[in-house]
C-alpha atoms as a PDB file:
ATOM      1  CA  MET A   1     108.118  98.520  96.619  1.00  0.00           C
ATOM      2  CA  VAL A   2     105.240 100.434  94.761  1.00  0.00           C
ATOM      3  CA  GLY A   3     101.900 101.570  95.965  1.00  0.00           C
ATOM      4  CA  VAL A   4     100.661 103.190  99.232  1.00  0.00           C
ATOM      5  CA  ILE A   5     102.587 100.519 101.425  1.00  0.00           C
ATOM      6  CA  ARG A   6     106.322 101.197 101.153  1.00  0.00           C
ATOM      7  CA  ARG A   7     109.354  99.602 102.732  1.00  0.00           C
ATOM      8  CA  TRP A   8     109.753 102.631 105.060  1.00  0.00           C
ATOM      9  CA  ASP A   9     106.290 101.994 106.238  1.00  0.00           C
ATOM     10  CA  ILE A  10     107.445  98.212 106.879  1.00  0.00           C
ATOM     11  CA  LEU A  11     110.579  99.429 108.585  1.00  0.00           C
ATOM     12  CA  ALA A  12     109.093 102.138 110.645  1.00  0.00           C
ATOM     13  CA  HIS A  13     106.371  99.262 112.039  1.00  0.00           C
ATOM     14  CA  PRO A  14     108.429  96.021 112.356  1.00  0.00           C
ATOM     15  CA  VAL A  15     106.395  94.162 115.268  1.00  0.00           C
ATOM     16  CA  VAL A  16     103.221  94.516 113.710  1.00  0.00           C
ATOM     17  CA  THR A  17     104.413  93.355 110.479  1.00  0.00           C
ATOM     18  CA  ILE A  18     106.118  90.298 111.759  1.00  0.00           C
ATOM     19  CA  ARG A  19     103.134  89.700 114.196  1.00  0.00           C
ATOM     20  CA  CYS A  20     100.511  89.550 111.506  1.00  0.00           C
ATOM     21  CA  PHE A  21     102.673  88.073 108.465  1.00  0.00           C
ATOM     22  CA  GLY A  22     105.513  86.638 109.939  1.00  0.00           C
ATOM     23  CA  TRP A  23     109.328  86.940 109.478  1.00  0.00           C
ATOM     24  CA  PRO A  24     109.383  85.952 105.921  1.00  0.00           C
ATOM     25  CA  VAL A  25     106.965  88.635 104.803  1.00  0.00           C
ATOM     26  CA  PHE A  26     109.132  90.912 106.867  1.00  0.00           C
ATOM     27  CA  PHE A  27     112.508  90.083 105.070  1.00  0.00           C
ATOM     28  CA  LYS A  28     110.857  89.935 101.562  1.00  0.00           C
ATOM     29  CA  ALA A  29     109.516  93.526 102.002  1.00  0.00           C
ATOM     30  CA  LEU A  30     112.892  94.910 102.663  1.00  0.00           C
ATOM     31  CA  THR A  31     114.387  93.478  99.622  1.00  0.00           C
ATOM     32  CA  ALA A  32     111.322  93.365  97.393  1.00  0.00           C
ATOM     33  CA  GLY A  33     111.711  95.189  94.033  1.00  0.00           C
ATOM     34  CA  ARG A  34     110.574  98.484  92.844  1.00  0.00           C
ATOM     35  CA  GLY A  35     107.528  97.267  90.724  1.00  0.00           C
ATOM     36  CA  GLN A  36     105.889  95.010  93.593  1.00  0.00           C
ATOM     37  CA  THR A  37     103.299  95.860  95.876  1.00  0.00           C
ATOM     38  CA  PHE A  38     102.872  94.457  99.333  1.00  0.00           C
ATOM     39  CA  LEU A  39     100.004  92.564  98.288  1.00  0.00           C
ATOM     40  CA  SER A  40     101.698  91.002  95.519  1.00  0.00           C
ATOM     41  CA  LEU A  41     104.528  90.352  97.677  1.00  0.00           C
ATOM     42  CA  LEU A  42     102.370  88.333 100.299  1.00  0.00           C
ATOM     43  CA  CYS A  43     100.767  86.392  97.333  1.00  0.00           C
ATOM     44  CA  GLU A  44     104.488  85.470  96.314  1.00  0.00           C
ATOM     45  CA  ALA A  45     105.409  84.563  99.918  1.00  0.00           C
ATOM     46  CA  GLY A  46     102.653  82.397 100.400  1.00  0.00           C
ATOM     47  CA  ALA A  47     101.313  84.446 103.269  1.00  0.00           C
ATOM     48  CA  LEU A  48      97.453  84.583 102.023  1.00  0.00           C
ATOM     49  CA  ARG A  49      95.775  81.734 103.875  1.00  0.00           C
ATOM     50  CA  PRO A  50      91.987  81.058 104.401  1.00  0.00           C
ATOM     51  CA  PRO A  51      90.474  83.111 106.999  1.00  0.00           C
ATOM     52  CA  ALA A  52      90.348  82.284 110.645  1.00  0.00           C
ATOM     53  CA  VAL A  53      87.618  84.712 111.261  1.00  0.00           C
ATOM     54  CA  GLU A  54      84.498  84.904 109.113  1.00  0.00           C
ATOM     55  CA  VAL A  55      84.758  88.030 107.154  1.00  0.00           C
ATOM     56  CA  PRO A  56      81.710  89.853 105.040  1.00  0.00           C
ATOM     57  CA  GLU A  57      81.503  88.806 101.576  1.00  0.00           C
ATOM     58  CA  LEU A  58      80.554  92.488 100.992  1.00  0.00           C
ATOM     59  CA  LEU A  59      84.066  93.315 101.401  1.00  0.00           C
ATOM     60  CA  GLY A  60      85.049  91.804  98.088  1.00  0.00           C
ATOM     61  CA  ARG A  61      82.151  94.073  96.435  1.00  0.00           C
ATOM     62  CA  CYS A  62      83.813  97.362  98.524  1.00  0.00           C
ATOM     63  CA  VAL A  63      87.163  96.250  96.701  1.00  0.00           C
ATOM     64  CA  GLU A  64      85.326  96.015  93.091  1.00  0.00           C
ATOM     65  CA  LEU A  65      83.940  99.706  93.920  1.00  0.00           C
ATOM     66  CA  GLU A  66      87.552 101.050  94.073  1.00  0.00           C
ATOM     67  CA  LEU A  67      88.204  99.307  91.171  1.00  0.00           C
ATOM     68  CA  ARG A  68      85.349 100.349  89.031  1.00  0.00           C
ATOM     69  CA  ALA A  69      86.394 104.014  89.986  1.00  0.00           C
ATOM     70  CA  GLN A  70      89.670 103.037  88.809  1.00  0.00           C
ATOM     71  CA  ARG A  71      88.388 101.732  85.320  1.00  0.00           C
ATOM     72  CA  ILE A  72      86.236 105.021  85.167  1.00  0.00           C
ATOM     73  CA  TYR A  73      89.467 107.396  85.571  1.00  0.00           C
ATOM     74  CA  GLU A  74      91.581 105.222  83.155  1.00  0.00           C
ATOM     75  CA  THR A  75      88.882 105.393  80.561  1.00  0.00           C
ATOM     76  CA  LEU A  76      88.986 109.439  80.886  1.00  0.00           C
ATOM     77  CA  ALA A  77      92.799 109.097  80.893  1.00  0.00           C
ATOM     78  CA  ARG A  78      92.727 107.746  77.598  1.00  0.00           C
ATOM     79  CA  ARG A  79      90.204 110.159  76.261  1.00  0.00           C
ATOM     80  CA  TYR A  80      92.305 112.921  77.013  1.00  0.00           C
ATOM     81  CA  ALA A  81      95.594 111.362  75.903  1.00  0.00           C
ATOM     82  CA  ASP A  82      96.653 114.196  74.051  1.00  0.00           C
ATOM     83  CA  ARG A  83      96.430 116.879  76.893  1.00  0.00           C
ATOM     84  CA  ASP A  84      99.068 115.817  79.207  1.00  0.00           C
ATOM     85  CA  PRO A  85      98.184 117.661  82.335  1.00  0.00           C
ATOM     86  CA  VAL A  86      94.823 116.264  82.187  1.00  0.00           C
ATOM     87  CA  ARG A  87      96.104 112.674  81.489  1.00  0.00           C
ATOM     88  CA  ARG A  88      98.290 112.548  84.074  1.00  0.00           C
ATOM     89  CA  PHE A  89      95.444 113.849  86.678  1.00  0.00           C
ATOM     90  CA  PHE A  90      93.343 110.941  85.570  1.00  0.00           C
ATOM     91  CA  GLU A  91      95.883 108.605  85.537  1.00  0.00           C
ATOM     92  CA  THR A  92      96.973 109.753  89.140  1.00  0.00           C
ATOM     93  CA  LEU A  93      93.455 109.181  90.256  1.00  0.00           C
ATOM     94  CA  ALA A  94      93.142 105.905  88.605  1.00  0.00           C
ATOM     95  CA  GLU A  95      96.307 104.832  90.369  1.00  0.00           C
ATOM     96  CA  GLN A  96      95.235 106.119  93.888  1.00  0.00           C
ATOM     97  CA  GLU A  97      91.947 104.163  93.226  1.00  0.00           C
ATOM     98  CA  ARG A  98      94.012 101.088  92.897  1.00  0.00           C
ATOM     99  CA  SER A  99      95.896 101.666  95.989  1.00  0.00           C
ATOM    100  CA  HIS A 100      92.758 102.126  97.553  1.00  0.00           C
ATOM    101  CA  GLY A 101      91.544  98.501  96.405  1.00  0.00           C
ATOM    102  CA  GLU A 102      94.681  97.302  97.459  1.00  0.00           C
ATOM    103  CA  LEU A 103      94.411  98.613 101.022  1.00  0.00           C
ATOM    104  CA  LEU A 104      90.912  97.111 101.394  1.00  0.00           C
ATOM    105  CA  GLU A 105      92.173  93.729 100.055  1.00  0.00           C
ATOM    106  CA  LEU A 106      94.603  93.658 103.026  1.00  0.00           C
ATOM    107  CA  CYS A 107      91.865  94.784 105.242  1.00  0.00           C
ATOM    108  CA  ARG A 108      90.087  91.592 104.205  1.00  0.00           C
ATOM    109  CA  GLU A 109      93.340  89.688 104.485  1.00  0.00           C
ATOM    110  CA  THR A 110      94.047  90.864 108.052  1.00  0.00           C
ATOM    111  CA  ALA A 111      90.561  90.480 109.187  1.00  0.00           C
ATOM    112  CA  GLY A 112      90.208  86.744 108.202  1.00  0.00           C
ATOM    113  CA  ARG A 113      93.504  86.577 110.655  1.00  0.00           C
ATOM    114  CA  ALA A 114      92.724  88.986 113.627  1.00  0.00           C
ATOM    115  CA  GLY A 115      89.010  89.798 113.758  1.00  0.00           C
ATOM    116  CA  TRP A 116      86.280  91.603 112.365  1.00  0.00           C
ATOM    117  CA  LEU A 117      84.259  94.603 114.289  1.00  0.00           C
ATOM    118  CA  GLU A 118      80.800  94.338 112.409  1.00  0.00           C
ATOM    119  CA  GLU A 119      79.522  96.914 114.585  1.00  0.00           C
ATOM    120  CA  GLN A 120      81.875  99.586 112.955  1.00  0.00           C
ATOM    121  CA  PHE A 121      80.815  98.512 109.525  1.00  0.00           C
ATOM    122  CA  GLU A 122      76.941  97.991 110.030  1.00  0.00           C
ATOM    123  CA  PRO A 123      76.225 102.106 109.378  1.00  0.00           C
ATOM    124  CA  TRP A 124      77.640 101.361 105.911  1.00  0.00           C
ATOM    125  CA  ARG A 125      76.404  97.795 104.913  1.00  0.00           C
ATOM    126  CA  ASP A 126      73.260  99.408 103.037  1.00  0.00           C
ATOM    127  CA  ALA A 127      75.217 101.966 101.268  1.00  0.00           C
ATOM    128  CA  VAL A 128      77.061  99.212  99.220  1.00  0.00           C
ATOM    129  CA  PRO A 129      74.531  98.114  97.071  1.00  0.00           C
ATOM    130  CA  ARG A 130      73.834 102.020  96.476  1.00  0.00           C
ATOM    131  CA  LEU A 131      77.019 102.730  95.648  1.00  0.00           C
ATOM    132  CA  GLU A 132      76.980  99.923  93.012  1.00  0.00           C
ATOM    133  CA  ARG A 133      74.149 101.217  91.480  1.00  0.00           C
ATOM    134  CA  GLN A 134      75.553 104.903  91.711  1.00  0.00           C
ATOM    135  CA  MET A 135      78.862 103.321  89.897  1.00  0.00           C
ATOM    136  CA  GLY A 136      76.814 101.765  87.091  1.00  0.00           C
ATOM    137  CA  ASP A 137      75.297 105.021  86.442  1.00  0.00           C
ATOM    138  CA  ALA A 138      78.632 106.709  86.261  1.00  0.00           C
ATOM    139  CA  GLU A 139      80.014 104.086  84.111  1.00  0.00           C
ATOM    140  CA  ALA A 140      76.887 104.441  81.857  1.00  0.00           C
ATOM    141  CA  SER A 141      77.253 108.382  81.336  1.00  0.00           C
ATOM    142  CA  LEU A 142      80.773 108.018  80.100  1.00  0.00           C
ATOM    143  CA  GLU A 143      79.908 107.733  76.524  1.00  0.00           C
ATOM    144  CA  GLY A 144      77.642 111.011  76.718  1.00  0.00           C
ATOM    145  CA  LEU A 145      80.221 112.913  78.284  1.00  0.00           C
ATOM    146  CA  ASP A 146      81.112 115.242  75.634  1.00  0.00           C
ATOM    147  CA  GLU A 147      82.745 118.178  77.780  1.00  0.00           C
ATOM    148  CA  PHE A 148      85.821 118.418  79.874  1.00  0.00           C
ATOM    149  CA  ALA A 149      83.602 120.022  82.706  1.00  0.00           C
ATOM    150  CA  GLY A 150      81.292 117.124  82.886  1.00  0.00           C
ATOM    151  CA  ALA A 151      84.190 114.679  83.066  1.00  0.00           C
ATOM    152  CA  LEU A 152      85.501 116.706  86.078  1.00  0.00           C
ATOM    153  CA  ARG A 153      81.797 116.729  87.819  1.00  0.00           C
ATOM    154  CA  LEU A 154      81.859 113.023  87.265  1.00  0.00           C
ATOM    155  CA  VAL A 155      84.930 112.929  89.526  1.00  0.00           C
ATOM    156  CA  ILE A 156      83.206 114.937  92.374  1.00  0.00           C
ATOM    157  CA  GLN A 157      80.040 113.140  92.036  1.00  0.00           C
ATOM    158  CA  ILE A 158      81.694 109.706  92.494  1.00  0.00           C
ATOM    159  CA  GLU A 159      84.029 111.236  95.351  1.00  0.00           C
ATOM    160  CA  GLY A 160      81.264 112.762  97.069  1.00  0.00           C
ATOM    161  CA  SER A 161      79.189 109.541  97.255  1.00  0.00           C
ATOM    162  CA  GLU A 162      79.438 107.365 100.146  1.00  0.00           C
ATOM    163  CA  ILE A 163      82.419 105.422  98.785  1.00  0.00           C
ATOM    164  CA  ASN A 164      85.003 107.147 101.042  1.00  0.00           C
ATOM    165  CA  ASP A 165      82.899 106.534 103.856  1.00  0.00           C
ATOM    166  CA  VAL A 166      82.506 102.759 103.071  1.00  0.00           C
ATOM    167  CA  PHE A 167      86.108 102.515 102.630  1.00  0.00           C
ATOM    168  CA  GLY A 168      86.844 103.901 106.067  1.00  0.00           C
ATOM    169  CA  GLY A 169      83.981 102.021 107.514  1.00  0.00           C
ATOM    170  CA  VAL A 170      86.157  98.681 106.391  1.00  0.00           C
ATOM    171  CA  VAL A 171      89.308  99.981 108.110  1.00  0.00           C
ATOM    172  CA  ALA A 172      87.740 100.807 111.318  1.00  0.00           C
ATOM    173  CA  ALA A 173      85.885  97.364 111.349  1.00  0.00           C
ATOM    174  CA  THR A 174      89.341  95.590 110.618  1.00  0.00           C
ATOM    175  CA  ASP A 175      90.708  94.297 114.300  1.00  0.00           C
ATOM    176  CA  SER A 176      94.328  94.292 113.203  1.00  0.00           C
ATOM    177  CA  ASP A 177      97.122  96.232 114.857  1.00  0.00           C
ATOM    178  CA  PHE A 178      98.852  96.391 111.266  1.00  0.00           C
ATOM    179  CA  VAL A 179      95.702  98.140 109.821  1.00  0.00           C
ATOM    180  CA  ARG A 180      95.215 100.594 112.967  1.00  0.00           C
ATOM    181  CA  THR A 181      99.256 101.208 112.928  1.00  0.00           C
ATOM    182  CA  LEU A 182     100.006 101.971 109.460  1.00  0.00           C
ATOM    183  CA  ARG A 183      99.294 105.417 108.377  1.00  0.00           C
ATOM    184  CA  ALA A 184      98.185 104.412 104.632  1.00  0.00           C
ATOM    185  CA  PHE A 185      95.190 103.264 106.032  1.00  0.00           C
ATOM    186  CA  HIS A 186      94.199 106.046 107.599  1.00  0.00           C
ATOM    187  CA  THR A 187      95.054 108.989 105.181  1.00  0.00           C
ATOM    188  CA  ALA A 188      94.297 107.310 101.882  1.00  0.00           C
ATOM    189  CA  GLY A 189      90.988 109.241 101.437  1.00  0.00           C
ATOM    190  CA  THR A 190      92.071 112.555 102.771  1.00  0.00           C
ATOM    191  CA  THR A 191      94.824 112.531 100.320  1.00  0.00           C
ATOM    192  CA  HIS A 192      92.886 111.542  97.571  1.00  0.00           C
ATOM    193  CA  ILE A 193      90.336 114.382  98.077  1.00  0.00           C
ATOM    194  CA  SER A 194      92.852 116.857  98.888  1.00  0.00           C
ATOM    195  CA  TYR A 195      94.507 116.230  95.362  1.00  0.00           C
ATOM    196  CA  ILE A 196      91.324 116.348  93.336  1.00  0.00           C
ATOM    197  CA  CYS A 197      90.284 119.747  95.389  1.00  0.00           C
ATOM    198  CA  ASP A 198      93.593 121.125  94.378  1.00  0.00           C
ATOM    199  CA  GLN A 199      93.548 120.062  90.789  1.00  0.00           C
ATOM    200  CA  ILE A 200      90.101 120.615  89.411  1.00  0.00           C
ATOM    201  CA  PRO A 201      89.756 124.408  90.170  1.00  0.00           C
ATOM    202  CA  LYS A 202      93.181 124.670  88.106  1.00  0.00           C
ATOM    203  CA  PHE A 203      91.570 123.087  85.405  1.00  0.00           C
ATOM    204  CA  GLU A 204      88.006 124.402  85.445  1.00  0.00           C
ATOM    205  CA  PRO A 205      87.446 127.500  88.126  1.00  0.00           C
ATOM    206  CA  SER A 206      83.713 127.229  87.825  1.00  0.00           C
ATOM    207  CA  LEU A 207      83.984 124.191  89.783  1.00  0.00           C
ATOM    208  CA  VAL A 208      85.927 125.774  93.036  1.00  0.00           C
ATOM    209  CA  ASP A 209      82.753 125.866  95.224  1.00  0.00           C
ATOM    210  CA  GLU A 210      81.924 122.259  94.347  1.00  0.00           C
ATOM    211  CA  CYS A 211      85.197 121.218  95.362  1.00  0.00           C
ATOM    212  CA  ARG A 212      85.345 123.268  98.629  1.00  0.00           C
ATOM    213  CA  ALA A 213      81.992 121.221  99.487  1.00  0.00           C
ATOM    214  CA  LEU A 214      83.570 118.090  98.423  1.00  0.00           C
ATOM    215  CA  SER A 215      86.532 118.933 101.040  1.00  0.00           C
ATOM    216  CA  ALA A 216      84.086 120.114 103.850  1.00  0.00           C
ATOM    217  CA  GLU A 217      82.086 117.106 103.413  1.00  0.00           C
ATOM    218  CA  LEU A 218      85.409 114.650 104.111  1.00  0.00           C
ATOM    219  CA  LYS A 219      86.155 116.903 107.087  1.00  0.00           C
ATOM    220  CA  SER A 220      82.910 117.080 108.438  1.00  0.00           C
END
């Protein structure tokens, strides 16, 4: 399997996987092809079902925020296609954002089965429309970016917004043993920011202080 949830994650946590999704999904995860994600496996197995628990409509908008970030990074990867290290950097960011979207889709699915803790998400509810406006501004700014440093600052701007806090809020509000147990849900944000803060100063040393601030913000 590809994505942030891999075969070894399922092998490490068979009980919660079976309890949440059943034996057929567990066995399919063990034999899944290299190009298959855990979410696509659930679709193939017919394991996605209408929610038994009411899940906020905002979760879909949270997923879309991650996918909009993915598309921004894909655009930047194409813009710098002739600079291999830079292209790979943006492609990696895009793939990480795609994985974040998949994790939130899994949160939505498991919350619909196990439960949703609204009080855990409430502090971030008003952040979603703010982020949608900010993401719109980021998308609109792409055409006017004519310097590489500006593209890197856009990354810092996106990641320094509340997008990672909202991601964490969804994870915290998902009342599911599967989400609580698998590390991918809890390390995705840290891994993403650490990669950004490690790579950007290599491309543009003048942004080291901004990267340190972004890293410190994640830890606070």
